[in-house]
Amino acid sequence: LMEEGKPDEAISMFEICLKKKPDWMLASILKAKCLIAANRKGEAKSELHLALKLAIEQEHEGPESEVRKLLETLSQA
């Protein structure tokens, strides 16, 4: 859906995924990217903070670094 330029629809799908598996870090990161694309930056920051928490808890260094960069980019915007 994101590739089709439908971030709002993609967000809804990720929300369904996260209701079924709240600790799904990748779904959280992708949802945040969709929120950024939909210009919903405040919501994106909240989602990124959740994704960062999950990445740290699950010891995923690559995603942790990616989320930190996204948060930094949002802070500069």
PDB file of N, CA and C in Angstrom:
ATOM      1  N   LEU A   1       0.820  -1.205   0.000  1.00  0.00           N
ATOM      2  CA  LEU A   1       0.000   0.000   0.000  1.00  0.00           C
ATOM      3  C   LEU A   1       0.860   1.265   0.000  1.00  0.00           C
ATOM      4  N   MET A   2       1.985   1.198   0.722  1.00  0.00           N
ATOM      5  CA  MET A   2       2.872   2.369   0.720  1.00  0.00           C
ATOM      6  C   MET A   2       3.414   2.609  -0.680  1.00  0.00           C
ATOM      7  N   GLU A   3       3.812   1.544  -1.354  1.00  0.00           N
ATOM      8  CA  GLU A   3       4.364   1.684  -2.701  1.00  0.00           C
ATOM      9  C   GLU A   3       3.323   2.224  -3.675  1.00  0.00           C
ATOM     10  N   GLU A   4       2.054   2.038  -3.346  1.00  0.00           N
ATOM     11  CA  GLU A   4       0.970   2.544  -4.183  1.00  0.00           C
ATOM     12  C   GLU A   4       0.571   3.961  -3.781  1.00  0.00           C
ATOM     13  N   GLY A   5       1.289   4.546  -2.817  1.00  0.00           N
ATOM     14  CA  GLY A   5       0.996   5.911  -2.388  1.00  0.00           C
ATOM     15  C   GLY A   5      -0.227   6.008  -1.494  1.00  0.00           C
ATOM     16  N   LYS A   6      -0.479   4.964  -0.716  1.00  0.00           N
ATOM     17  CA  LYS A   6      -1.642   4.941   0.173  1.00  0.00           C
ATOM     18  C   LYS A   6      -1.202   4.730   1.623  1.00  0.00           C
ATOM     19  N   PRO A   7      -0.469   5.713   2.184  1.00  0.00           N
ATOM     20  CA  PRO A   7       0.060   5.518   3.539  1.00  0.00           C
ATOM     21  C   PRO A   7      -1.018   5.345   4.593  1.00  0.00           C
ATOM     22  N   ASP A   8      -2.148   6.034   4.450  1.00  0.00           N
ATOM     23  CA  ASP A   8      -3.198   5.919   5.466  1.00  0.00           C
ATOM     24  C   ASP A   8      -3.771   4.506   5.510  1.00  0.00           C
ATOM     25  N   GLU A   9      -3.935   3.889   4.356  1.00  0.00           N
ATOM     26  CA  GLU A   9      -4.425   2.514   4.315  1.00  0.00           C
ATOM     27  C   GLU A   9      -3.376   1.561   4.894  1.00  0.00           C
ATOM     28  N   ALA A  10      -2.116   1.833   4.610  1.00  0.00           N
ATOM     29  CA  ALA A  10      -1.045   0.997   5.153  1.00  0.00           C
ATOM     30  C   ALA A  10      -1.008   1.096   6.678  1.00  0.00           C
ATOM     31  N   ILE A  11      -1.199   2.300   7.190  1.00  0.00           N
ATOM     32  CA  ILE A  11      -1.214   2.508   8.643  1.00  0.00           C
ATOM     33  C   ILE A  11      -2.279   1.626   9.285  1.00  0.00           C
ATOM     34  N   SER A  12      -3.448   1.592   8.683  1.00  0.00           N
ATOM     35  CA  SER A  12      -4.540   0.770   9.218  1.00  0.00           C
ATOM     36  C   SER A  12      -4.154  -0.706   9.270  1.00  0.00           C
ATOM     37  N   MET A  13      -3.465  -1.162   8.242  1.00  0.00           N
ATOM     38  CA  MET A  13      -3.040  -2.564   8.211  1.00  0.00           C
ATOM     39  C   MET A  13      -2.005  -2.855   9.296  1.00  0.00           C
ATOM     40  N   PHE A  14      -1.070  -1.917   9.488  1.00  0.00           N
ATOM     41  CA  PHE A  14      -0.071  -2.115  10.543  1.00  0.00           C
ATOM     42  C   PHE A  14      -0.719  -2.075  11.924  1.00  0.00           C
ATOM     43  N   GLU A  15      -1.750  -1.265  12.090  1.00  0.00           N
ATOM     44  CA  GLU A  15      -2.450  -1.226  13.379  1.00  0.00           C
ATOM     45  C   GLU A  15      -3.099  -2.573  13.683  1.00  0.00           C
ATOM     46  N   ILE A  16      -3.641  -3.219  12.660  1.00  0.00           N
ATOM     47  CA  ILE A  16      -4.216  -4.555  12.845  1.00  0.00           C
ATOM     48  C   ILE A  16      -3.121  -5.533  13.280  1.00  0.00           C
ATOM     49  N   CYS A  17      -1.987  -5.467  12.595  1.00  0.00           N
ATOM     50  CA  CYS A  17      -0.862  -6.343  12.950  1.00  0.00           C
ATOM     51  C   CYS A  17      -0.427  -6.129  14.395  1.00  0.00           C
ATOM     52  N   LEU A  18      -0.321  -4.863  14.794  1.00  0.00           N
ATOM     53  CA  LEU A  18       0.175  -4.546  16.125  1.00  0.00           C
ATOM     54  C   LEU A  18      -0.832  -4.879  17.215  1.00  0.00           C
ATOM     55  N   LYS A  19      -2.120  -4.914  16.887  1.00  0.00           N
ATOM     56  CA  LYS A  19      -3.114  -5.354  17.874  1.00  0.00           C
ATOM     57  C   LYS A  19      -2.936  -6.843  18.158  1.00  0.00           C
ATOM     58  N   LYS A  20      -2.581  -7.602  17.124  1.00  0.00           N
ATOM     59  CA  LYS A  20      -2.395  -9.038  17.296  1.00  0.00           C
ATOM     60  C   LYS A  20      -1.047  -9.371  17.921  1.00  0.00           C
ATOM     61  N   LYS A  21      -0.035  -8.542  17.648  1.00  0.00           N
ATOM     62  CA  LYS A  21       1.314  -8.791  18.170  1.00  0.00           C
ATOM     63  C   LYS A  21       1.961  -7.444  18.516  1.00  0.00           C
ATOM     64  N   PRO A  22       1.654  -6.910  19.693  1.00  0.00           N
ATOM     65  CA  PRO A  22       2.125  -5.571  20.081  1.00  0.00           C
ATOM     66  C   PRO A  22       3.641  -5.391  20.108  1.00  0.00           C
ATOM     67  N   ASP A  23       4.387  -6.488  20.207  1.00  0.00           N
ATOM     68  CA  ASP A  23       5.849  -6.368  20.263  1.00  0.00           C
ATOM     69  C   ASP A  23       6.505  -6.606  18.900  1.00  0.00           C
ATOM     70  N   TRP A  24       5.738  -6.482  17.826  1.00  0.00           N
ATOM     71  CA  TRP A  24       6.263  -6.680  16.481  1.00  0.00           C
ATOM     72  C   TRP A  24       6.993  -5.410  16.066  1.00  0.00           C
ATOM     73  N   MET A  25       8.277  -5.389  16.314  1.00  0.00           N
ATOM     74  CA  MET A  25       9.097  -4.197  16.109  1.00  0.00           C
ATOM     75  C   MET A  25       9.062  -3.705  14.665  1.00  0.00           C
ATOM     76  N   LEU A  26       9.210  -4.612  13.709  1.00  0.00           N
ATOM     77  CA  LEU A  26       9.243  -4.209  12.307  1.00  0.00           C
ATOM     78  C   LEU A  26       7.932  -3.545  11.887  1.00  0.00           C
ATOM     79  N   ALA A  27       6.819  -4.070  12.336  1.00  0.00           N
ATOM     80  CA  ALA A  27       5.523  -3.456  12.012  1.00  0.00           C
ATOM     81  C   ALA A  27       5.448  -2.047  12.587  1.00  0.00           C
ATOM     82  N   SER A  28       5.999  -1.863  13.763  1.00  0.00           N
ATOM     83  CA  SER A  28       6.010  -0.550  14.400  1.00  0.00           C
ATOM     84  C   SER A  28       6.867   0.442  13.604  1.00  0.00           C
ATOM     85  N   ILE A  29       8.020  -0.007  13.148  1.00  0.00           N
ATOM     86  CA  ILE A  29       8.901   0.859  12.347  1.00  0.00           C
ATOM     87  C   ILE A  29       8.224   1.234  11.033  1.00  0.00           C
ATOM     88  N   LEU A  30       7.645   0.249  10.374  1.00  0.00           N
ATOM     89  CA  LEU A  30       6.990   0.520   9.091  1.00  0.00           C
ATOM     90  C   LEU A  30       5.766   1.410   9.261  1.00  0.00           C
ATOM     91  N   LYS A  31       5.033   1.217  10.343  1.00  0.00           N
ATOM     92  CA  LYS A  31       3.895   2.101  10.628  1.00  0.00           C
ATOM     93  C   LYS A  31       4.392   3.536  10.802  1.00  0.00           C
ATOM     94  N   ALA A  32       5.489   3.703  11.527  1.00  0.00           N
ATOM     95  CA  ALA A  32       6.053   5.038  11.733  1.00  0.00           C
ATOM     96  C   ALA A  32       6.447   5.676  10.405  1.00  0.00           C
ATOM     97  N   LYS A  33       7.036   4.895   9.514  1.00  0.00           N
ATOM     98  CA  LYS A  33       7.410   5.426   8.199  1.00  0.00           C
ATOM     99  C   LYS A  33       6.180   5.853   7.414  1.00  0.00           C
ATOM    100  N   CYS A  34       5.113   5.102   7.543  1.00  0.00           N
ATOM    101  CA  CYS A  34       3.857   5.482   6.886  1.00  0.00           C
ATOM    102  C   CYS A  34       3.295   6.771   7.486  1.00  0.00           C
ATOM    103  N   LEU A  35       3.387   6.891   8.796  1.00  0.00           N
ATOM    104  CA  LEU A  35       2.919   8.111   9.462  1.00  0.00           C
ATOM    105  C   LEU A  35       3.721   9.321   8.993  1.00  0.00           C
ATOM    106  N   ILE A  36       5.014   9.148   8.807  1.00  0.00           N
ATOM    107  CA  ILE A  36       5.849  10.236   8.296  1.00  0.00           C
ATOM    108  C   ILE A  36       5.385  10.612   6.889  1.00  0.00           C
ATOM    109  N   ALA A  37       5.161   9.600   6.054  1.00  0.00           N
ATOM    110  CA  ALA A  37       4.719   9.849   4.676  1.00  0.00           C
ATOM    111  C   ALA A  37       3.361  10.532   4.633  1.00  0.00           C
ATOM    112  N   ALA A  38       2.525  10.267   5.644  1.00  0.00           N
ATOM    113  CA  ALA A  38       1.199  10.880   5.720  1.00  0.00           C
ATOM    114  C   ALA A  38       1.250  12.235   6.431  1.00  0.00           C
ATOM    115  N   ASN A  39       2.467  12.711   6.719  1.00  0.00           N
ATOM    116  CA  ASN A  39       2.690  13.995   7.390  1.00  0.00           C
ATOM    117  C   ASN A  39       2.052  14.040   8.779  1.00  0.00           C
ATOM    118  N   ARG A  40       2.104  12.906   9.469  1.00  0.00           N
ATOM    119  CA  ARG A  40       1.581  12.807  10.839  1.00  0.00           C
ATOM    120  C   ARG A  40       2.778  12.585  11.760  1.00  0.00           C
ATOM    121  N   LYS A  41       3.613  13.613  11.814  1.00  0.00           N
ATOM    122  CA  LYS A  41       4.917  13.500  12.463  1.00  0.00           C
ATOM    123  C   LYS A  41       4.840  13.279  13.981  1.00  0.00           C
ATOM    124  N   GLY A  42       3.880  13.889  14.637  1.00  0.00           N
ATOM    125  CA  GLY A  42       3.735  13.680  16.080  1.00  0.00           C
ATOM    126  C   GLY A  42       3.438  12.226  16.407  1.00  0.00           C
ATOM    127  N   GLU A  43       2.527  11.634  15.655  1.00  0.00           N
ATOM    128  CA  GLU A  43       2.206  10.227  15.839  1.00  0.00           C
ATOM    129  C   GLU A  43       3.400   9.344  15.468  1.00  0.00           C
ATOM    130  N   ALA A  44       4.123   9.759  14.438  1.00  0.00           N
ATOM    131  CA  ALA A  44       5.298   9.001  14.006  1.00  0.00           C
ATOM    132  C   ALA A  44       6.340   8.966  15.113  1.00  0.00           C
ATOM    133  N   LYS A  45       6.553  10.099  15.784  1.00  0.00           N
ATOM    134  CA  LYS A  45       7.535  10.139  16.883  1.00  0.00           C
ATOM    135  C   LYS A  45       7.152   9.168  17.985  1.00  0.00           C
ATOM    136  N   SER A  46       5.870   9.157  18.343  1.00  0.00           N
ATOM    137  CA  SER A  46       5.409   8.236  19.388  1.00  0.00           C
ATOM    138  C   SER A  46       5.649   6.791  18.977  1.00  0.00           C
ATOM    139  N   GLU A  47       5.332   6.476  17.726  1.00  0.00           N
ATOM    140  CA  GLU A  47       5.515   5.113  17.228  1.00  0.00           C
ATOM    141  C   GLU A  47       6.997   4.747  17.176  1.00  0.00           C
ATOM    142  N   LEU A  48       7.828   5.707  16.809  1.00  0.00           N
ATOM    143  CA  LEU A  48       9.265   5.447  16.761  1.00  0.00           C
ATOM    144  C   LEU A  48       9.840   5.200  18.151  1.00  0.00           C
ATOM    145  N   HIS A  49       9.316   5.899  19.149  1.00  0.00           N
ATOM    146  CA  HIS A  49       9.790   5.663  20.518  1.00  0.00           C
ATOM    147  C   HIS A  49       9.422   4.251  20.960  1.00  0.00           C
ATOM    148  N   LEU A  50       8.237   3.790  20.570  1.00  0.00           N
ATOM    149  CA  LEU A  50       7.846   2.415  20.868  1.00  0.00           C
ATOM    150  C   LEU A  50       8.766   1.441  20.130  1.00  0.00           C
ATOM    151  N   ALA A  51       9.014   1.699  18.866  1.00  0.00           N
ATOM    152  CA  ALA A  51       9.884   0.834  18.059  1.00  0.00           C
ATOM    153  C   ALA A  51      11.290   0.793  18.651  1.00  0.00           C
ATOM    154  N   LEU A  52      11.780   1.929  19.122  1.00  0.00           N
ATOM    155  CA  LEU A  52      13.113   1.982  19.733  1.00  0.00           C
ATOM    156  C   LEU A  52      13.154   1.118  20.989  1.00  0.00           C
ATOM    157  N   LYS A  53      12.135   1.232  21.812  1.00  0.00           N
ATOM    158  CA  LYS A  53      12.048   0.422  23.025  1.00  0.00           C
ATOM    159  C   LYS A  53      12.072  -1.061  22.662  1.00  0.00           C
ATOM    160  N   LEU A  54      11.290  -1.440  21.653  1.00  0.00           N
ATOM    161  CA  LEU A  54      11.240  -2.836  21.236  1.00  0.00           C
ATOM    162  C   LEU A  54      12.591  -3.301  20.679  1.00  0.00           C
ATOM    163  N   ALA A  55      13.232  -2.454  19.881  1.00  0.00           N
ATOM    164  CA  ALA A  55      14.534  -2.817  19.299  1.00  0.00           C
ATOM    165  C   ALA A  55      15.571  -3.051  20.391  1.00  0.00           C
ATOM    166  N   ILE A  56      15.558  -2.201  21.393  1.00  0.00           N
ATOM    167  CA  ILE A  56      16.506  -2.350  22.503  1.00  0.00           C
ATOM    168  C   ILE A  56      16.206  -3.625  23.285  1.00  0.00           C
ATOM    169  N   GLU A  57      14.925  -3.829  23.621  1.00  0.00           N
ATOM    170  CA  GLU A  57      14.542  -5.020  24.380  1.00  0.00           C
ATOM    171  C   GLU A  57      14.868  -6.307  23.629  1.00  0.00           C
ATOM    172  N   GLN A  58      14.695  -6.275  22.309  1.00  0.00           N
ATOM    173  CA  GLN A  58      14.894  -7.464  21.498  1.00  0.00           C
ATOM    174  C   GLN A  58      16.326  -7.576  20.957  1.00  0.00           C
ATOM    175  N   GLU A  59      17.150  -6.611  21.340  1.00  0.00           N
ATOM    176  CA  GLU A  59      18.573  -6.582  20.978  1.00  0.00           C
ATOM    177  C   GLU A  59      18.800  -6.611  19.461  1.00  0.00           C
ATOM    178  N   HIS A  60      18.077  -5.752  18.764  1.00  0.00           N
ATOM    179  CA  HIS A  60      18.235  -5.604  17.314  1.00  0.00           C
ATOM    180  C   HIS A  60      18.967  -4.289  17.050  1.00  0.00           C
ATOM    181  N   GLU A  61      20.272  -4.358  16.874  1.00  0.00           N
ATOM    182  CA  GLU A  61      21.087  -3.156  16.747  1.00  0.00           C
ATOM    183  C   GLU A  61      20.839  -2.393  15.450  1.00  0.00           C
ATOM    184  N   GLY A  62      20.659  -3.092  14.337  1.00  0.00           N
ATOM    185  CA  GLY A  62      20.417  -2.426  13.059  1.00  0.00           C
ATOM    186  C   GLY A  62      19.138  -1.605  13.082  1.00  0.00           C
ATOM    187  N   PRO A  63      18.013  -2.214  13.459  1.00  0.00           N
ATOM    188  CA  PRO A  63      16.778  -1.446  13.555  1.00  0.00           C
ATOM    189  C   PRO A  63      16.855  -0.319  14.596  1.00  0.00           C
ATOM    190  N   GLU A  64      17.559  -0.583  15.693  1.00  0.00           N
ATOM    191  CA  GLU A  64      17.723   0.468  16.704  1.00  0.00           C
ATOM    192  C   GLU A  64      18.396   1.689  16.094  1.00  0.00           C
ATOM    193  N   SER A  65      19.448   1.463  15.333  1.00  0.00           N
ATOM    194  CA  SER A  65      20.167   2.555  14.675  1.00  0.00           C
ATOM    195  C   SER A  65      19.261   3.276  13.671  1.00  0.00           C
ATOM    196  N   GLU A  66      18.502   2.517  12.910  1.00  0.00           N
ATOM    197  CA  GLU A  66      17.595   3.115  11.931  1.00  0.00           C
ATOM    198  C   GLU A  66      16.552   3.996  12.611  1.00  0.00           C
ATOM    199  N   VAL A  67      15.981   3.515  13.703  1.00  0.00           N
ATOM    200  CA  VAL A  67      14.965   4.277  14.428  1.00  0.00           C
ATOM    201  C   VAL A  67      15.573   5.544  15.019  1.00  0.00           C
ATOM    202  N   ARG A  68      16.766   5.442  15.574  1.00  0.00           N
ATOM    203  CA  ARG A  68      17.421   6.632  16.130  1.00  0.00           C
ATOM    204  C   ARG A  68      17.644   7.695  15.040  1.00  0.00           C
ATOM    205  N   LYS A  69      18.019   7.264  13.841  1.00  0.00           N
ATOM    206  CA  LYS A  69      18.216   8.201  12.732  1.00  0.00           C
ATOM    207  C   LYS A  69      16.899   8.849  12.319  1.00  0.00           C
ATOM    208  N   LEU A  70      15.837   8.062  12.272  1.00  0.00           N
ATOM    209  CA  LEU A  70      14.526   8.619  11.930  1.00  0.00           C
ATOM    210  C   LEU A  70      14.078   9.642  12.974  1.00  0.00           C
ATOM    211  N   LEU A  71      14.292   9.324  14.239  1.00  0.00           N
ATOM    212  CA  LEU A  71      13.931  10.270  15.306  1.00  0.00           C
ATOM    213  C   LEU A  71      14.732  11.560  15.198  1.00  0.00           C
ATOM    214  N   GLU A  72      16.015  11.432  14.887  1.00  0.00           N
ATOM    215  CA  GLU A  72      16.864  12.604  14.723  1.00  0.00           C
ATOM    216  C   GLU A  72      16.378  13.459  13.544  1.00  0.00           C
ATOM    217  N   THR A  73      16.032  12.808  12.459  1.00  0.00           N
ATOM    218  CA  THR A  73      15.523  13.518  11.282  1.00  0.00           C
ATOM    219  C   THR A  73      14.237  14.265  11.608  1.00  0.00           C
ATOM    220  N   LEU A  74      13.339  13.625  12.355  1.00  0.00           N
ATOM    221  CA  LEU A  74      12.077  14.274  12.732  1.00  0.00           C
ATOM    222  C   LEU A  74      12.321  15.452  13.662  1.00  0.00           C
ATOM    223  N   SER A  75      13.305  15.332  14.532  1.00  0.00           N
ATOM    224  CA  SER A  75      13.608  16.418  15.474  1.00  0.00           C
ATOM    225  C   SER A  75      14.142  17.654  14.737  1.00  0.00           C
ATOM    226  N   GLN A  76      14.795  17.429  13.610  1.00  0.00           N
ATOM    227  CA  GLN A  76      15.362  18.545  12.843  1.00  0.00           C
ATOM    228  C   GLN A  76      14.326  19.196  11.932  1.00  0.00           C
ATOM    229  N   ALA A  77      13.231  18.521  11.707  1.00  0.00           N
ATOM    230  CA  ALA A  77      12.211  19.032  10.776  1.00  0.00           C
ATOM    231  C   ALA A  77      11.325  20.066  11.415  1.00  0.00           C
TER     232      ALA A  77
END
